[in-house]
Amino acid sequence: MPELLRDEDKGKALGRLTDWRLDEGALARSVELTSFPQAIQVVNRVAEIAENNNHHPDIDIRWRTLTFRCTTHSEGGITASDVSLAEEIDGVIDAIAPPPA
């Protein structure tokens, strides 16, 4: 079973995950994409990663805005698996919708 991260470790993770925040026992990030199809493309790629890792985020889809929440429900909080998934989600977003130069 994965271990819950200590507050210090969560702080270090958030130092690297600059677009993420703590939200009620989860890592959370919202992102607005340029179109609904682009948002769904991100969701589909994240779904593939989640299935391969057997670790799934909560995803809220509101037109072009996606909100991801990563928490290990079985442990009741944030584990290293959530940090890793958040990093992978960042990679997907950067690949599909790179930030403006």
Protein backbone atom coordinates (compact mmCIF):
# COMPACT_ATOMS: atom_id res chain seq x y z
CA MET A 1 0.00 0.00 0.00
CA PRO A 2 1.30 3.47 -0.80
CA GLU A 3 2.08 5.74 2.13
CA LEU A 4 0.52 9.14 2.61
CA LEU A 5 2.92 12.00 2.01
CA ARG A 6 3.96 14.17 4.92
CA ASP A 7 3.19 17.89 4.71
CA GLU A 8 6.87 18.58 3.96
CA ASP A 9 6.80 16.20 1.01
CA LYS A 10 3.58 17.73 -0.30
CA GLY A 11 5.24 21.15 -0.16
CA LYS A 12 8.23 19.87 -2.13
CA ALA A 13 5.92 18.34 -4.72
CA LEU A 14 3.99 21.58 -5.09
CA GLY A 15 7.30 23.37 -5.61
CA ARG A 16 7.71 21.31 -8.79
CA LEU A 17 4.01 21.19 -9.72
CA THR A 18 3.56 24.93 -10.03
CA ASP A 19 0.09 24.73 -11.63
CA TRP A 20 -1.26 22.47 -8.88
CA ARG A 21 -2.72 23.26 -5.47
CA LEU A 22 -3.84 21.36 -2.40
CA ASP A 23 -7.61 21.00 -2.32
CA GLU A 24 -9.36 18.97 0.38
CA GLY A 25 -6.83 16.15 0.55
CA ALA A 26 -6.00 16.10 -3.15
CA LEU A 27 -3.68 17.69 -5.67
CA ALA A 28 -5.83 19.77 -8.00
CA ARG A 29 -5.24 21.59 -11.26
CA SER A 30 -7.60 23.39 -13.63
CA VAL A 31 -6.67 24.20 -17.19
CA GLU A 32 -8.55 25.90 -20.01
CA LEU A 33 -7.90 24.50 -23.46
CA THR A 34 -8.60 26.23 -26.78
CA SER A 35 -11.54 24.00 -27.74
CA PHE A 36 -13.78 21.22 -26.46
CA PRO A 37 -12.19 18.63 -28.81
CA GLN A 38 -8.73 19.58 -27.50
CA ALA A 39 -9.95 19.18 -23.92
CA ILE A 40 -11.32 15.73 -24.73
CA GLN A 41 -8.02 14.82 -26.40
CA VAL A 42 -6.26 15.61 -23.11
CA VAL A 43 -8.81 13.57 -21.15
CA ASN A 44 -8.42 10.59 -23.49
CA ARG A 45 -4.63 10.60 -23.17
CA VAL A 46 -4.80 10.95 -19.38
CA ALA A 47 -7.28 8.05 -19.32
CA GLU A 48 -4.77 5.84 -21.17
CA ILE A 49 -2.04 6.73 -18.67
CA ALA A 50 -4.35 6.17 -15.71
CA GLU A 51 -5.38 2.75 -16.99
CA ASN A 52 -1.76 1.73 -17.57
CA ASN A 53 -0.83 2.88 -14.05
CA ASN A 54 -4.04 1.60 -12.43
CA HIS A 55 -4.29 4.98 -10.70
CA HIS A 56 -7.10 7.28 -11.80
CA PRO A 57 -7.68 10.99 -11.26
CA ASP A 58 -11.06 12.59 -10.74
CA ILE A 59 -11.76 14.69 -13.84
CA ASP A 60 -14.33 17.44 -14.18
CA ILE A 61 -15.08 18.60 -17.74
CA ARG A 62 -16.75 21.97 -18.25
CA TRP A 63 -16.63 22.78 -21.97
CA ARG A 64 -12.95 23.73 -22.50
CA THR A 65 -11.98 23.73 -18.82
CA LEU A 66 -10.70 20.57 -17.17
CA THR A 67 -10.10 20.11 -13.47
CA PHE A 68 -7.98 17.17 -12.35
CA ARG A 69 -7.87 15.93 -8.74
CA CYS A 70 -5.28 13.35 -7.76
CA THR A 71 -5.72 11.51 -4.48
CA THR A 72 -5.33 7.93 -3.38
CA HIS A 73 -8.84 7.17 -2.17
CA SER A 74 -7.83 3.88 -0.53
CA GLU A 75 -5.32 5.76 1.65
CA GLY A 76 -7.44 8.84 2.25
CA GLY A 77 -4.98 11.39 0.89
CA ILE A 78 -2.00 12.19 -1.29
CA THR A 79 0.68 9.61 -2.03
CA ALA A 80 3.70 9.50 -4.34
CA SER A 81 1.41 7.90 -6.95
CA ASP A 82 -0.62 11.12 -7.05
CA VAL A 83 2.47 13.27 -7.52
CA SER A 84 3.63 11.02 -10.35
CA LEU A 85 0.22 11.14 -12.02
CA ALA A 86 0.11 14.95 -11.69
CA GLU A 87 3.51 15.13 -13.42
CA GLU A 88 2.23 12.92 -16.23
CA ILE A 89 -0.90 15.06 -16.60
CA ASP A 90 1.33 18.15 -16.90
CA GLY A 91 3.25 16.38 -19.67
CA VAL A 92 0.05 15.60 -21.56
CA ILE A 93 -1.18 19.17 -21.29
CA ASP A 94 2.20 20.54 -22.41
CA ALA A 95 2.28 18.15 -25.39
CA ILE A 96 -1.27 18.81 -26.58
CA ALA A 97 -1.63 22.48 -25.61
CA PRO A 98 1.82 23.96 -25.09
CA PRO A 99 1.89 27.26 -23.22
CA PRO A 100 2.37 30.37 -25.37
CA ALA A 101 6.01 31.25 -26.00
